[in-house]
Every structure is written in C-alpha cells, then in structure tokens.
Amino acid sequence: MSVIELRAGTRIWLAAGVTDLRRGFHGLSEQVQTVLNEQPYSGHVFVFRGRRGDIIKCLWFDGDGLYLFAKRLERGRFVWPKAESGTVSEFTPVPRSIPDAILRVAARPPFGRRAPSLIS
C-alpha cells in the first residue's frame, strides 16, 4: 500500500461547525475560500464534518490535482470543536501522511461501546 506523503509545513485545518457533506470538490473549495478565508490550492489539508458526526471529508491539493477523501466510522463519532463557524488551528506536530492525519482526528465511542481501533 502506498502512502500519500504531506510536504513539510503542511497545515491541517478543521472547519468548525457542521458542513453539508453532499458537497464535492467545487462546493468544499468554495467553503474553504469564503468561510475559512484560505486557498484550497495551497497544499494544506481541510477537514469537514457532517451533522451526525460519523463522516468527515478532507480536501487536499498536491500540486498536480485536488483530492477529496472521505472517512466514515461504523461506530462512534468524530470529536469536533464546539465553535459554530470558522476554523480551528492546525494539528501539531503535522502528521506525515493523509491516513495519519485522518487518524489524528479522535473518534468518540457511542455510549457503552468501544471506540474503533486500528489493526496493524
């Protein structure tokens, strides 16, 4: 399995609040520009969470093309900032790859259940 490496200095931005995840490349790129006041083609990773909290989408430009990644939890929810709008500062230290970045977003287990675990 190949890993998509992030360049040094890449930031990972969380879009606070709830995002309509029916949006694709164009809709999320527009949200990066208008709501987050950032450039979608900057090489940074932008992460969005849906209303239920079990799905996130990541938008990332690698210099050649725009990627749109999605992650859905079978159990639990992604822990997300309480802010209604805007951004939350990037993770530090920055993960080396996109899968590492997604795994850094903590998953909150539903009541009485275990959190999903990574199988090595």
PDB file of N, CA and C in Angstrom:
ATOM      1  N   MET A   1       0.845  -1.178   0.000  1.00  0.00           N
ATOM      2  CA  MET A   1       0.000   0.000   0.000  1.00  0.00           C
ATOM      3  C   MET A   1       0.889   1.239   0.000  1.00  0.00           C
ATOM      4  N   SER A   2       0.683   2.126  -0.924  1.00  0.00           N
ATOM      5  CA  SER A   2       1.456   3.362  -0.946  1.00  0.00           C
ATOM      6  C   SER A   2       0.795   4.407  -0.052  1.00  0.00           C
ATOM      7  N   VAL A   3       1.607   5.297   0.467  1.00  0.00           N
ATOM      8  CA  VAL A   3       1.135   6.335   1.370  1.00  0.00           C
ATOM      9  C   VAL A   3       1.303   7.675   0.684  1.00  0.00           C
ATOM     10  N   ILE A   4       0.319   8.525   0.809  1.00  0.00           N
ATOM     11  CA  ILE A   4       0.395   9.866   0.255  1.00  0.00           C
ATOM     12  C   ILE A   4       1.094  10.748   1.281  1.00  0.00           C
ATOM     13  N   GLU A   5       2.281  11.194   0.928  1.00  0.00           N
ATOM     14  CA  GLU A   5       3.093  11.987   1.853  1.00  0.00           C
ATOM     15  C   GLU A   5       2.711  13.459   1.805  1.00  0.00           C
ATOM     16  N   LEU A   6       2.707  14.092   2.971  1.00  0.00           N
ATOM     17  CA  LEU A   6       2.472  15.526   3.063  1.00  0.00           C
ATOM     18  C   LEU A   6       3.815  16.241   3.109  1.00  0.00           C
ATOM     19  N   ARG A   7       3.894  17.401   2.462  1.00  0.00           N
ATOM     20  CA  ARG A   7       5.119  18.188   2.474  1.00  0.00           C
ATOM     21  C   ARG A   7       5.329  18.837   3.834  1.00  0.00           C
ATOM     22  N   ALA A   8       6.573  19.146   4.151  1.00  0.00           N
ATOM     23  CA  ALA A   8       6.880  19.866   5.389  1.00  0.00           C
ATOM     24  C   ALA A   8       6.164  21.210   5.352  1.00  0.00           C
ATOM     25  N   GLY A   9       5.624  21.615   6.472  1.00  0.00           N
ATOM     26  CA  GLY A   9       4.921  22.887   6.556  1.00  0.00           C
ATOM     27  C   GLY A   9       3.442  22.799   6.233  1.00  0.00           C
ATOM     28  N   THR A  10       2.959  21.609   5.883  1.00  0.00           N
ATOM     29  CA  THR A  10       1.539  21.442   5.586  1.00  0.00           C
ATOM     30  C   THR A  10       0.729  21.570   6.876  1.00  0.00           C
ATOM     31  N   ARG A  11      -0.324  22.351   6.812  1.00  0.00           N
ATOM     32  CA  ARG A  11      -1.218  22.519   7.959  1.00  0.00           C
ATOM     33  C   ARG A  11      -2.497  21.730   7.713  1.00  0.00           C
ATOM     34  N   ILE A  12      -3.122  21.303   8.801  1.00  0.00           N
ATOM     35  CA  ILE A  12      -4.398  20.600   8.722  1.00  0.00           C
ATOM     36  C   ILE A  12      -5.422  21.464   9.436  1.00  0.00           C
ATOM     37  N   TRP A  13      -6.392  21.977   8.671  1.00  0.00           N
ATOM     38  CA  TRP A  13      -7.393  22.889   9.191  1.00  0.00           C
ATOM     39  C   TRP A  13      -8.717  22.166   9.378  1.00  0.00           C
ATOM     40  N   LEU A  14      -9.345  22.355  10.517  1.00  0.00           N
ATOM     41  CA  LEU A  14     -10.682  21.825  10.772  1.00  0.00           C
ATOM     42  C   LEU A  14     -11.696  22.934  10.528  1.00  0.00           C
ATOM     43  N   ALA A  15     -12.719  22.627   9.760  1.00  0.00           N
ATOM     44  CA  ALA A  15     -13.809  23.583   9.549  1.00  0.00           C
ATOM     45  C   ALA A  15     -14.778  23.408  10.717  1.00  0.00           C
ATOM     46  N   ALA A  16     -14.825  24.390  11.611  1.00  0.00           N
ATOM     47  CA  ALA A  16     -15.691  24.298  12.790  1.00  0.00           C
ATOM     48  C   ALA A  16     -17.149  24.299  12.358  1.00  0.00           C
ATOM     49  N   GLY A  17     -17.993  23.729  13.192  1.00  0.00           N
ATOM     50  CA  GLY A  17     -19.412  23.657  12.870  1.00  0.00           C
ATOM     51  C   GLY A  17     -19.707  22.457  11.993  1.00  0.00           C
ATOM     52  N   VAL A  18     -20.874  22.498  11.360  1.00  0.00           N
ATOM     53  CA  VAL A  18     -21.354  21.381  10.547  1.00  0.00           C
ATOM     54  C   VAL A  18     -21.292  21.761   9.077  1.00  0.00           C
ATOM     55  N   THR A  19     -20.883  20.804   8.245  1.00  0.00           N
ATOM     56  CA  THR A  19     -20.795  21.014   6.797  1.00  0.00           C
ATOM     57  C   THR A  19     -21.746  20.070   6.088  1.00  0.00           C
ATOM     58  N   ASP A  20     -22.393  20.547   5.046  1.00  0.00           N
ATOM     59  CA  ASP A  20     -23.234  19.704   4.201  1.00  0.00           C
ATOM     60  C   ASP A  20     -22.302  18.830   3.363  1.00  0.00           C
ATOM     61  N   LEU A  21     -22.219  17.554   3.703  1.00  0.00           N
ATOM     62  CA  LEU A  21     -21.272  16.665   3.032  1.00  0.00           C
ATOM     63  C   LEU A  21     -21.758  16.152   1.683  1.00  0.00           C
ATOM     64  N   ARG A  22     -22.882  16.665   1.204  1.00  0.00           N
ATOM     65  CA  ARG A  22     -23.276  16.370  -0.174  1.00  0.00           C
ATOM     66  C   ARG A  22     -22.398  17.168  -1.135  1.00  0.00           C
ATOM     67  N   ARG A  23     -21.692  18.158  -0.604  1.00  0.00           N
ATOM     68  CA  ARG A  23     -20.801  18.974  -1.422  1.00  0.00           C
ATOM     69  C   ARG A  23     -19.617  18.145  -1.893  1.00  0.00           C
ATOM     70  N   GLY A  24     -19.141  18.486  -3.068  1.00  0.00           N
ATOM     71  CA  GLY A  24     -17.987  17.812  -3.640  1.00  0.00           C
ATOM     72  C   GLY A  24     -16.810  18.766  -3.745  1.00  0.00           C
ATOM     73  N   PHE A  25     -16.003  18.569  -4.778  1.00  0.00           N
ATOM     74  CA  PHE A  25     -14.808  19.389  -4.976  1.00  0.00           C
ATOM     75  C   PHE A  25     -15.121  20.885  -5.000  1.00  0.00           C
ATOM     76  N   HIS A  26     -16.065  21.275  -5.837  1.00  0.00           N
ATOM     77  CA  HIS A  26     -16.353  22.699  -6.021  1.00  0.00           C
ATOM     78  C   HIS A  26     -16.968  23.321  -4.776  1.00  0.00           C
ATOM     79  N   GLY A  27     -17.951  22.654  -4.182  1.00  0.00           N
ATOM     80  CA  GLY A  27     -18.629  23.197  -3.008  1.00  0.00           C
ATOM     81  C   GLY A  27     -17.712  23.333  -1.809  1.00  0.00           C
ATOM     82  N   LEU A  28     -16.876  22.329  -1.566  1.00  0.00           N
ATOM     83  CA  LEU A  28     -15.954  22.404  -0.433  1.00  0.00           C
ATOM     84  C   LEU A  28     -14.839  23.406  -0.699  1.00  0.00           C
ATOM     85  N   SER A  29     -14.387  23.498  -1.952  1.00  0.00           N
ATOM     86  CA  SER A  29     -13.370  24.505  -2.298  1.00  0.00           C
ATOM     87  C   SER A  29     -13.916  25.907  -2.061  1.00  0.00           C
ATOM     88  N   GLU A  30     -15.175  26.126  -2.423  1.00  0.00           N
ATOM     89  CA  GLU A  30     -15.814  27.420  -2.193  1.00  0.00           C
ATOM     90  C   GLU A  30     -15.906  27.724  -0.699  1.00  0.00           C
ATOM     91  N   GLN A  31     -16.225  26.706   0.094  1.00  0.00           N
ATOM     92  CA  GLN A  31     -16.311  26.909   1.539  1.00  0.00           C
ATOM     93  C   GLN A  31     -14.943  27.247   2.129  1.00  0.00           C
ATOM     94  N   VAL A  32     -13.886  26.625   1.625  1.00  0.00           N
ATOM     95  CA  VAL A  32     -12.531  26.946   2.084  1.00  0.00           C
ATOM     96  C   VAL A  32     -12.243  28.426   1.836  1.00  0.00           C
ATOM     97  N   GLN A  33     -12.630  28.930   0.671  1.00  0.00           N
ATOM     98  CA  GLN A  33     -12.356  30.322   0.327  1.00  0.00           C
ATOM     99  C   GLN A  33     -13.237  31.307   1.088  1.00  0.00           C
ATOM    100  N   THR A  34     -14.537  31.055   1.155  1.00  0.00           N
ATOM    101  CA  THR A  34     -15.455  32.038   1.728  1.00  0.00           C
ATOM    102  C   THR A  34     -15.559  31.970   3.241  1.00  0.00           C
ATOM    103  N   VAL A  35     -15.617  30.776   3.798  1.00  0.00           N
ATOM    104  CA  VAL A  35     -15.813  30.630   5.247  1.00  0.00           C
ATOM    105  C   VAL A  35     -14.483  30.597   5.999  1.00  0.00           C
ATOM    106  N   LEU A  36     -13.513  29.857   5.468  1.00  0.00           N
ATOM    107  CA  LEU A  36     -12.246  29.688   6.169  1.00  0.00           C
ATOM    108  C   LEU A  36     -11.206  30.743   5.787  1.00  0.00           C
ATOM    109  N   ASN A  37     -11.484  31.514   4.736  1.00  0.00           N
ATOM    110  CA  ASN A  37     -10.549  32.535   4.243  1.00  0.00           C
ATOM    111  C   ASN A  37      -9.170  31.958   3.928  1.00  0.00           C
ATOM    112  N   GLU A  38      -9.160  30.787   3.317  1.00  0.00           N
ATOM    113  CA  GLU A  38      -7.922  30.123   2.900  1.00  0.00           C
ATOM    114  C   GLU A  38      -8.045  29.775   1.423  1.00  0.00           C
ATOM    115  N   GLN A  39      -6.941  29.327   0.835  1.00  0.00           N
ATOM    116  CA  GLN A  39      -6.917  28.923  -0.568  1.00  0.00           C
ATOM    117  C   GLN A  39      -6.920  27.396  -0.664  1.00  0.00           C
ATOM    118  N   PRO A  40      -7.897  26.802  -1.357  1.00  0.00           N
ATOM    119  CA  PRO A  40      -7.954  25.341  -1.449  1.00  0.00           C
ATOM    120  C   PRO A  40      -6.760  24.729  -2.176  1.00  0.00           C
ATOM    121  N   TYR A  41      -6.058  25.531  -2.998  1.00  0.00           N
ATOM    122  CA  TYR A  41      -4.908  25.023  -3.748  1.00  0.00           C
ATOM    123  C   TYR A  41      -3.585  25.369  -3.074  1.00  0.00           C
ATOM    124  N   SER A  42      -3.611  25.594  -1.765  1.00  0.00           N
ATOM    125  CA  SER A  42      -2.418  25.973  -1.004  1.00  0.00           C
ATOM    126  C   SER A  42      -1.553  24.774  -0.621  1.00  0.00           C
ATOM    127  N   GLY A  43      -2.102  23.577  -0.711  1.00  0.00           N
ATOM    128  CA  GLY A  43      -1.369  22.390  -0.285  1.00  0.00           C
ATOM    129  C   GLY A  43      -1.690  21.971   1.136  1.00  0.00           C
ATOM    130  N   HIS A  44      -2.479  22.769   1.853  1.00  0.00           N
ATOM    131  CA  HIS A  44      -2.907  22.406   3.201  1.00  0.00           C
ATOM    132  C   HIS A  44      -4.091  21.444   3.114  1.00  0.00           C
ATOM    133  N   VAL A  45      -4.368  20.744   4.192  1.00  0.00           N
ATOM    134  CA  VAL A  45      -5.479  19.794   4.257  1.00  0.00           C
ATOM    135  C   VAL A  45      -6.626  20.470   5.000  1.00  0.00           C
ATOM    136  N   PHE A  46      -7.828  20.406   4.426  1.00  0.00           N
ATOM    137  CA  PHE A  46      -9.020  20.994   5.028  1.00  0.00           C
ATOM    138  C   PHE A  46      -9.988  19.864   5.358  1.00  0.00           C
ATOM    139  N   VAL A  47     -10.420  19.801   6.615  1.00  0.00           N
ATOM    140  CA  VAL A  47     -11.242  18.691   7.085  1.00  0.00           C
ATOM    141  C   VAL A  47     -12.616  19.215   7.479  1.00  0.00           C
ATOM    142  N   PHE A  48     -13.665  18.533   7.000  1.00  0.00           N
ATOM    143  CA  PHE A  48     -15.053  18.923   7.239  1.00  0.00           C
ATOM    144  C   PHE A  48     -15.801  17.762   7.887  1.00  0.00           C
ATOM    145  N   ARG A  49     -16.738  18.081   8.779  1.00  0.00           N
ATOM    146  CA  ARG A  49     -17.523  17.060   9.481  1.00  0.00           C
ATOM    147  C   ARG A  49     -18.994  17.257   9.185  1.00  0.00           C
ATOM    148  N   GLY A  50     -19.709  16.150   9.000  1.00  0.00           N
ATOM    149  CA  GLY A  50     -21.145  16.191   8.756  1.00  0.00           C
ATOM    150  C   GLY A  50     -21.943  16.357  10.036  1.00  0.00           C
ATOM    151  N   ARG A  51     -23.259  16.508   9.899  1.00  0.00           N
ATOM    152  CA  ARG A  51     -24.155  16.758  11.034  1.00  0.00           C
ATOM    153  C   ARG A  51     -24.151  15.620  12.052  1.00  0.00           C
ATOM    154  N   ARG A  52     -24.209  14.378  11.592  1.00  0.00           N
ATOM    155  CA  ARG A  52     -24.253  13.242  12.524  1.00  0.00           C
ATOM    156  C   ARG A  52     -22.922  12.994  13.216  1.00  0.00           C
ATOM    157  N   GLY A  53     -21.841  13.444  12.611  1.00  0.00           N
ATOM    158  CA  GLY A  53     -20.531  13.313  13.228  1.00  0.00           C
ATOM    159  C   GLY A  53     -19.799  12.028  12.930  1.00  0.00           C
ATOM    160  N   ASP A  54     -20.381  11.161  12.101  1.00  0.00           N
ATOM    161  CA  ASP A  54     -19.706   9.898  11.801  1.00  0.00           C
ATOM    162  C   ASP A  54     -18.949   9.925  10.483  1.00  0.00           C
ATOM    163  N   ILE A  55     -19.022  11.040   9.750  1.00  0.00           N
ATOM    164  CA  ILE A  55     -18.333  11.163   8.462  1.00  0.00           C
ATOM    165  C   ILE A  55     -17.525  12.461   8.435  1.00  0.00           C
ATOM    166  N   ILE A  56     -16.302  12.364   7.904  1.00  0.00           N
ATOM    167  CA  ILE A  56     -15.521  13.565   7.614  1.00  0.00           C
ATOM    168  C   ILE A  56     -15.072  13.489   6.158  1.00  0.00           C
ATOM    169  N   LYS A  57     -14.828  14.660   5.578  1.00  0.00           N
ATOM    170  CA  LYS A  57     -14.236  14.753   4.249  1.00  0.00           C
ATOM    171  C   LYS A  57     -13.011  15.639   4.349  1.00  0.00           C
ATOM    172  N   CYS A  58     -11.954  15.255   3.621  1.00  0.00           N
ATOM    173  CA  CYS A  58     -10.702  16.010   3.592  1.00  0.00           C
ATOM    174  C   CYS A  58     -10.442  16.463   2.165  1.00  0.00           C
ATOM    175  N   LEU A  59     -10.121  17.731   2.017  1.00  0.00           N
ATOM    176  CA  LEU A  59      -9.799  18.312   0.724  1.00  0.00           C
ATOM    177  C   LEU A  59      -8.324  18.683   0.738  1.00  0.00           C
ATOM    178  N   TRP A  60      -7.581  18.248  -0.300  1.00  0.00           N
ATOM    179  CA  TRP A  60      -6.132  18.486  -0.322  1.00  0.00           C
ATOM    180  C   TRP A  60      -5.649  18.599  -1.762  1.00  0.00           C
ATOM    181  N   PHE A  61      -4.786  19.576  -2.020  1.00  0.00           N
ATOM    182  CA  PHE A  61      -4.168  19.775  -3.330  1.00  0.00           C
ATOM    183  C   PHE A  61      -2.699  19.407  -3.222  1.00  0.00           C
ATOM    184  N   ASP A  62      -2.225  18.507  -4.104  1.00  0.00           N
ATOM    185  CA  ASP A  62      -0.845  18.023  -4.031  1.00  0.00           C
ATOM    186  C   ASP A  62       0.084  18.703  -5.030  1.00  0.00           C
ATOM    187  N   GLY A  63      -0.405  19.742  -5.706  1.00  0.00           N
ATOM    188  CA  GLY A  63       0.398  20.410  -6.723  1.00  0.00           C
ATOM    189  C   GLY A  63       0.059  19.943  -8.119  1.00  0.00           C
ATOM    190  N   ASP A  64      -0.600  18.794  -8.223  1.00  0.00           N
ATOM    191  CA  ASP A  64      -0.970  18.229  -9.515  1.00  0.00           C
ATOM    192  C   ASP A  64      -2.481  18.153  -9.687  1.00  0.00           C
ATOM    193  N   GLY A  65      -3.188  17.949  -8.595  1.00  0.00           N
ATOM    194  CA  GLY A  65      -4.642  17.806  -8.643  1.00  0.00           C
ATOM    195  C   GLY A  65      -5.229  17.875  -7.249  1.00  0.00           C
ATOM    196  N   LEU A  66      -6.540  18.015  -7.203  1.00  0.00           N
ATOM    197  CA  LEU A  66      -7.259  18.139  -5.943  1.00  0.00           C
ATOM    198  C   LEU A  66      -7.772  16.767  -5.524  1.00  0.00           C
ATOM    199  N   TYR A  67      -7.528  16.388  -4.275  1.00  0.00           N
ATOM    200  CA  TYR A  67      -8.011  15.129  -3.710  1.00  0.00           C
ATOM    201  C   TYR A  67      -9.197  15.411  -2.800  1.00  0.00           C
ATOM    202  N   LEU A  68     -10.140  14.473  -2.761  1.00  0.00           N
ATOM    203  CA  LEU A  68     -11.259  14.521  -1.825  1.00  0.00           C
ATOM    204  C   LEU A  68     -11.352  13.151  -1.169  1.00  0.00           C
ATOM    205  N   PHE A  69     -11.002  13.103   0.117  1.00  0.00           N
ATOM    206  CA  PHE A  69     -11.035  11.858   0.882  1.00  0.00           C
ATOM    207  C   PHE A  69     -12.251  11.874   1.794  1.00  0.00           C
ATOM    208  N   ALA A  70     -12.817  10.718   2.036  1.00  0.00           N
ATOM    209  CA  ALA A  70     -13.928  10.595   2.979  1.00  0.00           C
ATOM    210  C   ALA A  70     -13.620   9.462   3.946  1.00  0.00           C
ATOM    211  N   LYS A  71     -14.053   9.633   5.182  1.00  0.00           N
ATOM    212  CA  LYS A  71     -13.881   8.597   6.210  1.00  0.00           C
ATOM    213  C   LYS A  71     -15.194   8.490   6.971  1.00  0.00           C
ATOM    214  N   ARG A  72     -15.757   7.277   7.052  1.00  0.00           N
ATOM    215  CA  ARG A  72     -16.987   7.049   7.797  1.00  0.00           C
ATOM    216  C   ARG A  72     -16.708   6.039   8.912  1.00  0.00           C
ATOM    217  N   LEU A  73     -17.124   6.388  10.110  1.00  0.00           N
ATOM    218  CA  LEU A  73     -16.977   5.475  11.234  1.00  0.00           C
ATOM    219  C   LEU A  73     -18.186   4.551  11.297  1.00  0.00           C
ATOM    220  N   GLU A  74     -17.941   3.288  11.521  1.00  0.00           N
ATOM    221  CA  GLU A  74     -19.040   2.342  11.700  1.00  0.00           C
ATOM    222  C   GLU A  74     -19.688   2.526  13.073  1.00  0.00           C
ATOM    223  N   ARG A  75     -18.860   2.904  14.051  1.00  0.00           N
ATOM    224  CA  ARG A  75     -19.358   3.180  15.400  1.00  0.00           C
ATOM    225  C   ARG A  75     -18.658   4.424  15.904  1.00  0.00           C
ATOM    226  N   GLY A  76     -19.353   5.206  16.697  1.00  0.00           N
ATOM    227  CA  GLY A  76     -18.743   6.387  17.290  1.00  0.00           C
ATOM    228  C   GLY A  76     -18.886   7.612  16.420  1.00  0.00           C
ATOM    229  N   ARG A  77     -18.319   8.698  16.916  1.00  0.00           N
ATOM    230  CA  ARG A  77     -18.384   9.983  16.229  1.00  0.00           C
ATOM    231  C   ARG A  77     -17.033  10.669  16.318  1.00  0.00           C
ATOM    232  N   PHE A  78     -16.751  11.512  15.350  1.00  0.00           N
ATOM    233  CA  PHE A  78     -15.541  12.309  15.397  1.00  0.00           C
ATOM    234  C   PHE A  78     -15.736  13.438  16.399  1.00  0.00           C
ATOM    235  N   VAL A  79     -14.760  13.627  17.270  1.00  0.00           N
ATOM    236  CA  VAL A  79     -14.791  14.732  18.223  1.00  0.00           C
ATOM    237  C   VAL A  79     -14.489  15.993  17.432  1.00  0.00           C
ATOM    238  N   TRP A  80     -15.273  17.055  17.643  1.00  0.00           N
ATOM    239  CA  TRP A  80     -15.143  18.247  16.827  1.00  0.00           C
ATOM    240  C   TRP A  80     -15.229  19.487  17.694  1.00  0.00           C
ATOM    241  N   PRO A  81     -14.614  20.568  17.294  1.00  0.00           N
ATOM    242  CA  PRO A  81     -14.678  21.812  18.070  1.00  0.00           C
ATOM    243  C   PRO A  81     -16.116  22.300  18.217  1.00  0.00           C
ATOM    244  N   LYS A  82     -16.398  22.996  19.307  1.00  0.00           N
ATOM    245  CA  LYS A  82     -17.738  23.487  19.592  1.00  0.00           C
ATOM    246  C   LYS A  82     -18.098  24.759  18.839  1.00  0.00           C
ATOM    247  N   ALA A  83     -17.127  25.435  18.243  1.00  0.00           N
ATOM    248  CA  ALA A  83     -17.394  26.692  17.546  1.00  0.00           C
ATOM    249  C   ALA A  83     -18.459  26.485  16.473  1.00  0.00           C
ATOM    250  N   GLU A  84     -19.291  27.490  16.273  1.00  0.00           N
ATOM    251  CA  GLU A  84     -20.360  27.404  15.286  1.00  0.00           C
ATOM    252  C   GLU A  84     -19.860  27.628  13.867  1.00  0.00           C
ATOM    253  N   SER A  85     -18.806  28.425  13.712  1.00  0.00           N
ATOM    254  CA  SER A  85     -18.282  28.689  12.383  1.00  0.00           C
ATOM    255  C   SER A  85     -16.812  29.056  12.484  1.00  0.00           C
ATOM    256  N   GLY A  86     -16.146  29.092  11.336  1.00  0.00           N
ATOM    257  CA  GLY A  86     -14.736  29.462  11.319  1.00  0.00           C
ATOM    258  C   GLY A  86     -13.835  28.252  11.284  1.00  0.00           C
ATOM    259  N   THR A  87     -12.593  28.468  11.715  1.00  0.00           N
ATOM    260  CA  THR A  87     -11.603  27.402  11.669  1.00  0.00           C
ATOM    261  C   THR A  87     -11.017  27.159  13.045  1.00  0.00           C
ATOM    262  N   VAL A  88     -10.347  26.065  13.145  1.00  0.00           N
ATOM    263  CA  VAL A  88      -9.568  25.735  14.321  1.00  0.00           C
ATOM    264  C   VAL A  88      -8.146  25.528  13.834  1.00  0.00           C
ATOM    265  N   SER A  89      -7.191  25.990  14.571  1.00  0.00           N
ATOM    266  CA  SER A  89      -5.790  25.897  14.178  1.00  0.00           C
ATOM    267  C   SER A  89      -5.404  24.464  13.861  1.00  0.00           C
ATOM    268  N   GLU A  90      -4.349  24.344  13.095  1.00  0.00           N
ATOM    269  CA  GLU A  90      -3.884  23.040  12.625  1.00  0.00           C
ATOM    270  C   GLU A  90      -3.374  22.167  13.766  1.00  0.00           C
ATOM    271  N   PHE A  91      -3.300  20.877  13.473  1.00  0.00           N
ATOM    272  CA  PHE A  91      -2.710  19.924  14.410  1.00  0.00           C
ATOM    273  C   PHE A  91      -1.208  20.157  14.476  1.00  0.00           C
ATOM    274  N   THR A  92      -0.611  19.946  15.638  1.00  0.00           N
ATOM    275  CA  THR A  92       0.842  19.972  15.756  1.00  0.00           C
ATOM    276  C   THR A  92       1.271  18.794  16.613  1.00  0.00           C
ATOM    277  N   PRO A  93       2.313  18.069  16.273  1.00  0.00           N
ATOM    278  CA  PRO A  93       3.047  18.190  15.022  1.00  0.00           C
ATOM    279  C   PRO A  93       2.224  17.660  13.854  1.00  0.00           C
ATOM    280  N   VAL A  94       2.547  18.089  12.664  1.00  0.00           N
ATOM    281  CA  VAL A  94       1.799  17.685  11.477  1.00  0.00           C
ATOM    282  C   VAL A  94       2.101  16.228  11.161  1.00  0.00           C
ATOM    283  N   PRO A  95       1.061  15.424  10.929  1.00  0.00           N
ATOM    284  CA  PRO A  95       1.286  14.034  10.528  1.00  0.00           C
ATOM    285  C   PRO A  95       2.012  13.978   9.189  1.00  0.00           C
ATOM    286  N   ARG A  96       2.652  12.856   8.919  1.00  0.00           N
ATOM    287  CA  ARG A  96       3.440  12.709   7.692  1.00  0.00           C
ATOM    288  C   ARG A  96       2.610  12.306   6.489  1.00  0.00           C
ATOM    289  N   SER A  97       1.416  11.787   6.705  1.00  0.00           N
ATOM    290  CA  SER A  97       0.625  11.310   5.578  1.00  0.00           C
ATOM    291  C   SER A  97      -0.857  11.590   5.811  1.00  0.00           C
ATOM    292  N   ILE A  98      -1.636  11.491   4.745  1.00  0.00           N
ATOM    293  CA  ILE A  98      -3.077  11.707   4.850  1.00  0.00           C
ATOM    294  C   ILE A  98      -3.725  10.691   5.805  1.00  0.00           C
ATOM    295  N   PRO A  99      -3.440   9.377   5.709  1.00  0.00           N
ATOM    296  CA  PRO A  99      -4.048   8.452   6.669  1.00  0.00           C
ATOM    297  C   PRO A  99      -3.694   8.808   8.117  1.00  0.00           C
ATOM    298  N   ASP A 100      -2.456   9.227   8.368  1.00  0.00           N
ATOM    299  CA  ASP A 100      -2.082   9.659   9.720  1.00  0.00           C
ATOM    300  C   ASP A 100      -2.917  10.855  10.144  1.00  0.00           C
ATOM    301  N   ALA A 101      -3.153  11.775   9.218  1.00  0.00           N
ATOM    302  CA  ALA A 101      -3.926  12.973   9.525  1.00  0.00           C
ATOM    303  C   ALA A 101      -5.352  12.608   9.908  1.00  0.00           C
ATOM    304  N   ILE A 102      -5.948  11.688   9.164  1.00  0.00           N
ATOM    305  CA  ILE A 102      -7.321  11.283   9.457  1.00  0.00           C
ATOM    306  C   ILE A 102      -7.392  10.561  10.790  1.00  0.00           C
ATOM    307  N   LEU A 103      -6.400   9.730  11.081  1.00  0.00           N
ATOM    308  CA  LEU A 103      -6.409   9.001  12.349  1.00  0.00           C
ATOM    309  C   LEU A 103      -6.181   9.918  13.544  1.00  0.00           C
ATOM    310  N   ARG A 104      -5.574  11.096  13.324  1.00  0.00           N
ATOM    311  CA  ARG A 104      -5.349  12.036  14.413  1.00  0.00           C
ATOM    312  C   ARG A 104      -6.647  12.684  14.896  1.00  0.00           C
ATOM    313  N   VAL A 105      -7.678  12.697  14.041  1.00  0.00           N
ATOM    314  CA  VAL A 105      -8.968  13.235  14.456  1.00  0.00           C
ATOM    315  C   VAL A 105      -9.609  12.172  15.341  1.00  0.00           C
ATOM    316  N   ALA A 106      -9.737  12.460  16.614  1.00  0.00           N
ATOM    317  CA  ALA A 106     -10.175  11.465  17.590  1.00  0.00           C
ATOM    318  C   ALA A 106     -11.610  11.024  17.344  1.00  0.00           C
ATOM    319  N   ALA A 107     -11.872   9.757  17.593  1.00  0.00           N
ATOM    320  CA  ALA A 107     -13.220   9.210  17.471  1.00  0.00           C
ATOM    321  C   ALA A 107     -13.795   8.994  18.862  1.00  0.00           C
ATOM    322  N   ARG A 108     -14.980   9.512  19.076  1.00  0.00           N
ATOM    323  CA  ARG A 108     -15.668   9.343  20.365  1.00  0.00           C
ATOM    324  C   ARG A 108     -16.614   8.154  20.240  1.00  0.00           C
ATOM    325  N   PRO A 109     -16.480   7.148  21.123  1.00  0.00           N
ATOM    326  CA  PRO A 109     -17.371   5.992  21.032  1.00  0.00           C
ATOM    327  C   PRO A 109     -18.771   6.342  21.505  1.00  0.00           C
ATOM    328  N   PRO A 110     -19.810   5.718  20.934  1.00  0.00           N
ATOM    329  CA  PRO A 110     -21.152   5.919  21.458  1.00  0.00           C
ATOM    330  C   PRO A 110     -21.245   5.321  22.849  1.00  0.00           C
ATOM    331  N   PHE A 111     -22.233   5.711  23.609  1.00  0.00           N
ATOM    332  CA  PHE A 111     -22.387   5.259  24.983  1.00  0.00           C
ATOM    333  C   PHE A 111     -22.401   3.736  25.055  1.00  0.00           C
ATOM    334  N   GLY A 112     -21.513   3.187  25.881  1.00  0.00           N
ATOM    335  CA  GLY A 112     -21.486   1.755  26.112  1.00  0.00           C
ATOM    336  C   GLY A 112     -20.753   0.936  25.068  1.00  0.00           C
ATOM    337  N   ARG A 113     -20.118   1.582  24.103  1.00  0.00           N
ATOM    338  CA  ARG A 113     -19.389   0.847  23.073  1.00  0.00           C
ATOM    339  C   ARG A 113     -17.940   1.270  23.046  1.00  0.00           C
ATOM    340  N   ARG A 114     -17.103   0.394  22.526  1.00  0.00           N
ATOM    341  CA  ARG A 114     -15.682   0.714  22.376  1.00  0.00           C
ATOM    342  C   ARG A 114     -15.461   1.566  21.142  1.00  0.00           C
ATOM    343  N   ALA A 115     -14.417   2.344  21.174  1.00  0.00           N
ATOM    344  CA  ALA A 115     -14.029   3.137  20.004  1.00  0.00           C
ATOM    345  C   ALA A 115     -13.426   2.216  18.950  1.00  0.00           C
ATOM    346  N   PRO A 116     -13.583   2.537  17.679  1.00  0.00           N
ATOM    347  CA  PRO A 116     -12.913   1.742  16.636  1.00  0.00           C
ATOM    348  C   PRO A 116     -11.414   1.754  16.858  1.00  0.00           C
ATOM    349  N   SER A 117     -10.756   0.653  16.570  1.00  0.00           N
ATOM    350  CA  SER A 117      -9.322   0.592  16.772  1.00  0.00           C
ATOM    351  C   SER A 117      -8.629   0.284  15.463  1.00  0.00           C
ATOM    352  N   LEU A 118      -7.385   0.722  15.366  1.00  0.00           N
ATOM    353  CA  LEU A 118      -6.568   0.499  14.188  1.00  0.00           C
ATOM    354  C   LEU A 118      -5.934  -0.866  14.288  1.00  0.00           C
ATOM    355  N   ILE A 119      -6.077  -1.675  13.251  1.00  0.00           N
ATOM    356  CA  ILE A 119      -5.495  -3.008  13.236  1.00  0.00           C
ATOM    357  C   ILE A 119      -4.179  -2.934  12.472  1.00  0.00           C
ATOM    358  N   SER A 120      -3.102  -3.328  13.117  1.00  0.00           N
ATOM    359  CA  SER A 120      -1.787  -3.274  12.475  1.00  0.00           C
ATOM    360  C   SER A 120      -1.492  -4.539  11.728  1.00  0.00           C
TER     361      SER A 120
END
